[in-house]
Amino acid sequence: MNFVMILLMIIGGAVGIITSLYILISLPAIIIWKIYRKFRYGYPLTR
C-alpha cells in the first residue's frame, strides 16, 4: 500500500472514533441536563 492510502485510513479512523466518542458523551449529558431542568425549573422535556 502506498503512503497516501495509509494516511487516509488513519485520518478516517480517527475521525470515526472522535465522532463516536462525541455522541457517546453528549447524548447522555443532554438527557441528564433536560431531566435536571425539568425538576429544577419545571421546563418540559421537549423544549
Protein backbone atom coordinates (compact mmCIF):
# COMPACT_ATOMS: atom_id res chain seq x y z
CA MET A 1 0.00 0.00 0.00
CA ASN A 2 1.20 3.47 -0.65
CA PHE A 3 1.73 6.14 1.96
CA VAL A 4 -1.27 8.30 0.96
CA MET A 5 -3.70 5.41 1.33
CA ILE A 6 -2.37 4.57 4.80
CA LEU A 7 -2.58 8.23 5.81
CA LEU A 8 -6.21 8.44 4.62
CA MET A 9 -7.08 5.29 6.57
CA ILE A 10 -5.55 6.72 9.76
CA ILE A 11 -7.35 10.06 9.35
CA GLY A 12 -10.66 8.36 8.56
CA GLY A 13 -10.35 6.05 11.54
CA ALA A 14 -9.51 8.94 13.86
CA VAL A 15 -12.49 10.98 12.65
CA GLY A 16 -14.79 7.98 13.18
CA ILE A 17 -13.51 7.43 16.71
CA ILE A 18 -13.83 11.11 17.61
CA THR A 19 -17.40 11.39 16.34
CA SER A 20 -18.40 8.16 18.11
CA LEU A 21 -16.96 9.42 21.40
CA TYR A 22 -18.75 12.75 20.98
CA ILE A 23 -22.10 11.02 20.52
CA LEU A 24 -21.37 8.61 23.39
CA ILE A 25 -20.68 11.50 25.78
CA SER A 26 -23.07 14.20 24.58
CA LEU A 27 -26.29 12.21 24.29
CA PRO A 28 -26.43 11.11 27.96
CA ALA A 29 -25.27 14.60 29.03
CA ILE A 30 -28.16 16.25 27.17
CA ILE A 31 -30.68 13.80 28.62
CA ILE A 32 -29.37 14.37 32.17
CA TRP A 33 -29.41 18.15 31.61
CA LYS A 34 -33.03 18.06 30.42
CA ILE A 35 -34.11 15.94 33.41
CA TYR A 36 -32.30 18.34 35.75
CA ARG A 37 -34.07 21.34 34.21
CA LYS A 38 -37.41 19.51 34.46
CA PHE A 39 -37.09 19.03 38.21
CA ARG A 40 -35.28 22.29 38.99
CA TYR A 41 -37.26 24.77 36.86
CA GLY A 42 -40.27 22.84 35.66
CA TYR A 43 -39.38 23.12 31.94
CA PRO A 44 -40.89 20.50 29.64
CA LEU A 45 -38.51 17.79 28.41
CA THR A 46 -39.27 18.59 24.79
CA ARG A 47 -38.06 22.19 24.87
